[in-house]
Amino acid sequence: MILLGIGLPIALIFAYFIGQITRWLVRRRVSVSTSTTLVLAVIGLSLGLVLSSLIFRNSEPWSLEVLLLSIACTAALLTLFALVARRFQPPQPRISILDVARRGESQLVEFKSSARWNMHTQQRDERMELVIAKSVAAFLNADGGTLLIGVADDGRIIGLEPDFSLVKRPDTDRYELWLRDLLSSTLGQNAAALPIIDFAPVEVDGTPSFVCRISCPNSPRPVFLEPGRNERSEFWVRSGNSTRQLTLENATDYIMVQWPLGVGRTMAAQLRSSVRGSRAG
């Protein structure tokens, strides 16, 4: 009866949008169908309106305080459902680094022999460091993925000894610190905090070494690469087995689809402004 008092169609539309927003926010943690979110949102709104009638006795059903309480109840119910559903989902076993290397490259897996040491010139190459940042950005901007450092394209284990030769203290802690600094300077601190970095001990020609794994989730917002001073930001995505840079026009469309809520519209608008400015210049 309370829902009918403010208009059933309006309440259903309102519940639908709240449910879709919550569903999008938890989409990578738990699978929730549209019908489920709609039902939970209606229940949450109803609960909020009932509580409002008890707390705010003299308020109209469409007043601001009633509306805010109803939204809070809906969000709390949907969040609770997502947490419970995630709790009972079967855990996904984490594949070992060496098993990932044996399975080969794919849309979600990429190999790099090294991150700093050029095997051909036998010296440090800053361009290779930028390639690592591009690969991480591409995974973050797509469906996530895994980057292995110390593995050749054919899956042959190389190890991190070439890169370790450029680190003052050749150990995994220093190497991870360098990687975080690289990602922070090229992708930003927020994006650099998203990947999980771990290592697996290996043996290369009888010498102990390590392989580094960078596990990238899909980012909650677009990630842009800053290649250097006085250089334009770049937008990279994972497409098939390759990492590709999108033009500003294509990046605008991609962002609108990948991040359909406010952040996507805002970033797309900024990109459009950049396109217009570059054309005007």
Protein backbone atom coordinates (compact mmCIF):
# COMPACT_ATOMS: atom_id res chain seq x y z
CA MET A 1 0.00 0.00 0.00
CA ILE A 2 2.86 2.37 0.75
CA LEU A 3 4.45 1.67 -2.64
CA LEU A 4 1.10 2.32 -4.27
CA GLY A 5 0.92 5.62 -2.39
CA ILE A 6 3.94 7.00 -4.25
CA GLY A 7 3.09 5.31 -7.49
CA LEU A 8 3.88 1.69 -8.28
CA PRO A 9 5.40 2.40 -11.70
CA ILE A 10 7.74 5.04 -10.28
CA ALA A 11 8.77 2.72 -7.44
CA LEU A 12 9.50 -0.13 -9.85
CA ILE A 13 11.57 2.08 -12.14
CA PHE A 14 13.43 3.45 -9.16
CA ALA A 15 14.04 -0.05 -7.81
CA TYR A 16 15.22 -1.24 -11.20
CA PHE A 17 17.89 1.44 -11.50
CA ILE A 18 19.16 0.93 -7.96
CA GLY A 19 19.35 -2.81 -8.60
CA GLN A 20 21.23 -2.36 -11.87
CA ILE A 21 23.75 -0.02 -10.26
CA THR A 22 24.42 -2.47 -7.44
CA ARG A 23 24.58 -5.38 -9.87
CA TRP A 24 27.20 -3.53 -11.92
CA LEU A 25 29.27 -2.71 -8.83
CA VAL A 26 29.48 -6.35 -7.73
CA ARG A 27 29.57 -7.92 -11.20
CA ARG A 28 33.13 -9.22 -10.85
CA ARG A 29 32.58 -10.65 -7.37
CA VAL A 30 29.24 -12.40 -7.66
CA SER A 31 26.73 -13.15 -10.39
CA VAL A 32 23.31 -11.60 -9.70
CA SER A 33 20.53 -11.74 -12.28
CA THR A 34 18.47 -8.71 -13.25
CA SER A 35 15.28 -10.27 -11.90
CA THR A 36 16.92 -10.97 -8.55
CA THR A 37 18.20 -7.42 -8.20
CA LEU A 38 14.76 -6.05 -9.09
CA VAL A 39 13.01 -8.20 -6.49
CA LEU A 40 15.57 -7.32 -3.83
CA ALA A 41 15.33 -3.63 -4.71
CA VAL A 42 11.52 -3.67 -4.37
CA ILE A 43 11.81 -5.43 -1.01
CA GLY A 44 14.44 -2.94 0.10
CA LEU A 45 12.30 0.02 -0.93
CA SER A 46 9.28 -1.44 0.83
CA LEU A 47 11.28 -2.02 4.00
CA GLY A 48 12.66 1.50 3.84
CA LEU A 49 9.20 3.02 3.43
CA VAL A 50 7.82 0.97 6.32
CA LEU A 51 10.66 2.08 8.58
CA SER A 52 10.17 5.65 7.43
CA SER A 53 6.51 5.55 8.42
CA LEU A 54 7.55 4.47 11.91
CA ILE A 55 10.44 6.92 12.30
CA PHE A 56 9.14 9.94 10.42
CA ARG A 57 5.47 9.86 11.39
CA ASN A 58 4.63 13.30 10.04
CA SER A 59 6.57 13.03 6.78
CA GLU A 60 5.05 12.49 3.39
CA PRO A 61 6.02 9.27 1.56
CA TRP A 62 7.88 11.28 -1.09
CA SER A 63 9.82 13.55 1.31
CA LEU A 64 13.62 13.67 1.20
CA GLU A 65 14.27 11.84 4.47
CA VAL A 66 11.92 9.01 3.50
CA LEU A 67 13.57 8.73 0.10
CA LEU A 68 17.09 8.63 1.56
CA LEU A 69 16.15 5.97 4.12
CA SER A 70 14.53 3.86 1.40
CA ILE A 71 17.66 4.09 -0.75
CA ALA A 72 19.84 3.15 2.23
CA CYS A 73 17.70 0.08 3.00
CA THR A 74 17.77 -1.01 -0.64
CA ALA A 75 21.54 -0.63 -0.93
CA ALA A 76 22.08 -2.47 2.36
CA LEU A 77 19.87 -5.39 1.33
CA LEU A 78 21.54 -5.76 -2.07
CA THR A 79 25.01 -5.52 -0.56
CA LEU A 80 24.14 -8.15 2.05
CA PHE A 81 22.81 -10.48 -0.62
CA ALA A 82 25.98 -10.03 -2.69
CA LEU A 83 28.19 -10.81 0.30
CA VAL A 84 26.20 -13.91 1.23
CA ALA A 85 26.10 -15.13 -2.37
CA ARG A 86 29.83 -14.63 -2.72
CA ARG A 87 30.39 -16.51 0.53
CA PHE A 88 28.61 -19.61 -0.76
CA GLN A 89 30.07 -19.56 -4.26
CA PRO A 90 32.57 -22.38 -4.76
CA PRO A 91 36.15 -21.10 -4.34
CA GLN A 92 38.20 -20.90 -7.50
CA PRO A 93 41.54 -22.72 -7.12
CA ARG A 94 44.52 -20.51 -7.88
CA ILE A 95 46.59 -21.94 -10.72
CA SER A 96 50.32 -22.13 -10.05
CA ILE A 97 52.62 -19.83 -12.01
CA LEU A 98 54.35 -22.73 -13.76
CA ASP A 99 51.00 -24.22 -14.80
CA VAL A 100 50.04 -20.86 -16.30
CA ALA A 101 53.30 -20.85 -18.26
CA ARG A 102 52.68 -24.38 -19.56
CA ARG A 103 49.23 -23.46 -20.90
CA GLY A 104 50.66 -20.77 -23.17
CA GLU A 105 49.55 -17.25 -24.06
CA SER A 106 45.91 -16.35 -24.58
CA GLN A 107 43.55 -13.41 -24.29
CA LEU A 108 44.00 -13.55 -20.51
CA VAL A 109 47.69 -14.52 -20.35
CA GLU A 110 50.81 -12.84 -21.73
CA PHE A 111 54.51 -13.70 -21.39
CA LYS A 112 57.48 -11.34 -21.22
CA SER A 113 61.09 -12.54 -21.13
CA SER A 114 62.13 -9.58 -19.00
CA ALA A 115 60.94 -6.17 -17.90
CA ARG A 116 64.17 -4.18 -17.99
CA TRP A 117 66.97 -6.16 -19.64
CA ASN A 118 67.11 -6.31 -23.45
CA MET A 119 68.19 -9.81 -24.42
CA HIS A 120 69.43 -8.61 -27.82
CA THR A 121 71.44 -5.54 -26.82
CA GLN A 122 72.41 -7.02 -23.44
CA GLN A 123 71.66 -3.81 -21.60
CA ARG A 124 68.85 -1.96 -19.86
CA ASP A 125 66.05 -0.80 -22.16
CA GLU A 126 63.51 1.72 -20.83
CA ARG A 127 61.20 0.91 -23.75
CA MET A 128 60.75 -2.59 -22.36
CA GLU A 129 59.69 -1.13 -19.03
CA LEU A 130 57.01 0.85 -20.85
CA VAL A 131 55.83 -2.34 -22.57
CA ILE A 132 55.18 -3.91 -19.16
CA ALA A 133 53.07 -0.90 -18.16
CA LYS A 134 51.14 -1.10 -21.45
CA SER A 135 50.35 -4.78 -20.90
CA VAL A 136 49.11 -4.17 -17.36
CA ALA A 137 46.98 -1.22 -18.52
CA ALA A 138 45.50 -3.34 -21.32
CA PHE A 139 44.43 -6.09 -18.90
CA LEU A 140 43.01 -3.56 -16.43
CA ASN A 141 40.97 -1.92 -19.19
CA ALA A 142 39.56 -5.23 -20.44
CA ASP A 143 38.52 -8.35 -18.53
CA GLY A 144 41.67 -8.65 -16.47
CA GLY A 145 44.47 -11.14 -17.06
CA THR A 146 47.88 -12.43 -16.04
CA LEU A 147 51.31 -11.18 -17.09
CA LEU A 148 54.29 -13.47 -16.50
CA ILE A 149 57.76 -11.93 -16.47
CA GLY A 150 60.67 -14.31 -16.96
CA VAL A 151 58.93 -16.51 -19.53
CA ALA A 152 59.62 -16.47 -23.28
CA ASP A 153 56.83 -16.28 -25.85
CA ASP A 154 57.07 -20.04 -26.43
CA GLY A 155 56.65 -20.76 -22.70
CA ARG A 156 60.34 -21.41 -22.04
CA ILE A 157 61.36 -20.41 -18.51
CA ILE A 158 64.05 -17.71 -18.48
CA GLY A 159 63.81 -16.42 -14.94
CA LEU A 160 64.43 -12.97 -13.54
CA GLU A 161 68.23 -13.08 -13.32
CA PRO A 162 68.66 -10.63 -16.24
CA ASP A 163 66.36 -8.11 -14.52
CA PHE A 164 67.85 -8.81 -11.10
CA SER A 165 71.21 -7.63 -12.41
CA LEU A 166 69.74 -4.10 -12.54
CA VAL A 167 68.42 -4.14 -8.96
CA LYS A 168 70.68 -3.03 -6.10
CA ARG A 169 69.55 -5.93 -3.94
CA PRO A 170 68.53 -8.83 -6.25
CA ASP A 171 65.51 -10.25 -4.47
CA THR A 172 61.77 -10.45 -5.06
CA ASP A 173 60.93 -7.72 -2.53
CA ARG A 174 63.07 -5.13 -4.30
CA TYR A 175 61.81 -6.27 -7.67
CA GLU A 176 58.17 -5.90 -6.63
CA LEU A 177 58.94 -2.46 -5.20
CA TRP A 178 60.43 -1.44 -8.54
CA LEU A 179 57.38 -2.80 -10.39
CA ARG A 180 54.99 -0.85 -8.15
CA ASP A 181 57.00 2.32 -8.70
CA LEU A 182 56.93 1.74 -12.47
CA LEU A 183 53.15 1.23 -12.51
CA SER A 184 52.57 4.22 -10.22
CA SER A 185 54.57 6.56 -12.45
CA THR A 186 52.98 5.36 -15.69
CA LEU A 187 49.41 4.38 -14.69
CA GLY A 188 48.81 6.29 -11.47
CA GLN A 189 48.79 5.14 -7.85
CA ASN A 190 45.19 3.91 -7.87
CA ALA A 191 45.75 1.68 -10.89
CA ALA A 192 49.11 0.48 -9.57
CA ALA A 193 47.44 -0.80 -6.40
CA LEU A 194 45.02 -3.08 -8.30
CA PRO A 195 47.32 -5.89 -9.56
CA ILE A 196 48.50 -8.71 -7.29
CA ILE A 197 52.20 -9.54 -7.66
CA ASP A 198 53.69 -12.87 -6.62
CA PHE A 199 56.66 -15.04 -7.53
CA ALA A 200 57.45 -18.70 -8.13
CA PRO A 201 60.91 -20.21 -7.59
CA VAL A 202 62.34 -21.89 -10.69
CA GLU A 203 65.63 -23.37 -11.81
CA VAL A 204 67.23 -22.22 -15.06
CA ASP A 205 70.23 -24.26 -16.24
CA GLY A 206 70.89 -25.36 -12.67
CA THR A 207 70.69 -21.81 -11.28
CA PRO A 208 67.88 -20.85 -8.86
CA SER A 209 65.71 -18.00 -10.05
CA PHE A 210 62.13 -16.72 -10.04
CA VAL A 211 59.21 -16.02 -12.36
CA CYS A 212 57.04 -12.99 -11.59
CA ARG A 213 53.25 -13.04 -11.99
CA ILE A 214 51.18 -9.86 -12.21
CA SER A 215 47.50 -10.73 -11.77
CA CYS A 216 45.33 -7.90 -13.07
CA PRO A 217 41.60 -7.53 -12.30
CA ASN A 218 39.38 -5.41 -14.51
CA SER A 219 39.66 -1.82 -13.34
CA PRO A 220 36.57 -0.04 -11.93
CA ARG A 221 37.51 2.97 -14.08
CA PRO A 222 39.52 3.60 -17.28
CA VAL A 223 43.31 3.41 -16.94
CA PHE A 224 45.47 5.67 -19.09
CA LEU A 225 49.17 5.23 -19.74
CA GLU A 226 51.44 8.25 -19.27
CA PRO A 227 54.45 7.39 -21.47
CA GLY A 228 56.51 10.41 -20.44
CA ARG A 229 56.67 14.14 -20.06
CA ASN A 230 55.14 16.22 -22.81
CA GLU A 231 53.61 13.07 -24.34
CA ARG A 232 49.92 12.39 -24.71
CA SER A 233 48.13 9.85 -22.58
CA GLU A 234 47.51 6.50 -24.25
CA PHE A 235 44.66 4.03 -23.86
CA TRP A 236 45.49 0.32 -24.26
CA VAL A 237 43.24 -2.75 -24.24
CA ARG A 238 43.69 -6.49 -24.52
CA SER A 239 42.25 -7.76 -27.80
CA GLY A 240 42.63 -11.48 -28.46
CA ASN A 241 46.27 -12.42 -27.86
CA SER A 242 47.58 -8.92 -28.43
CA THR A 243 47.80 -5.58 -26.66
CA ARG A 244 46.46 -2.72 -28.75
CA GLN A 245 46.28 1.03 -28.45
CA LEU A 246 42.94 2.69 -29.23
CA THR A 247 42.61 6.05 -30.87
CA LEU A 248 40.79 8.76 -28.93
CA GLU A 249 37.63 8.24 -30.99
CA ASN A 250 37.63 4.47 -30.47
CA ALA A 251 38.57 4.83 -26.81
CA THR A 252 35.52 7.05 -26.28
CA ASP A 253 33.17 4.37 -27.59
CA TYR A 254 34.98 1.61 -25.70
CA ILE A 255 34.79 3.46 -22.39
CA MET A 256 31.06 4.10 -22.78
CA VAL A 257 30.47 0.35 -23.20
CA GLN A 258 32.96 -0.93 -20.62
CA TRP A 259 32.01 1.57 -17.91
CA PRO A 260 28.35 2.45 -18.62
CA LEU A 261 27.75 4.46 -15.44
CA GLY A 262 28.81 8.00 -14.56
CA VAL A 263 32.55 7.38 -14.73
CA GLY A 264 32.28 6.17 -18.31
CA ARG A 265 30.27 9.18 -19.41
CA THR A 266 32.67 11.57 -17.68
CA MET A 267 35.80 10.03 -19.17
CA ALA A 268 34.21 9.78 -22.60
CA ALA A 269 33.27 13.47 -22.45
CA GLN A 270 36.84 14.35 -21.55
CA LEU A 271 38.14 12.31 -24.47
CA ARG A 272 35.72 14.00 -26.84
CA SER A 273 36.99 17.37 -25.66
CA SER A 274 40.55 16.21 -26.30
CA VAL A 275 39.62 15.13 -29.81
CA ARG A 276 37.99 18.48 -30.56
CA GLY A 277 40.96 20.35 -29.13
CA SER A 278 43.47 18.38 -31.19
CA ARG A 279 41.48 18.91 -34.35
CA ALA A 280 41.09 22.62 -33.67
CA GLY A 281 44.83 22.93 -33.19
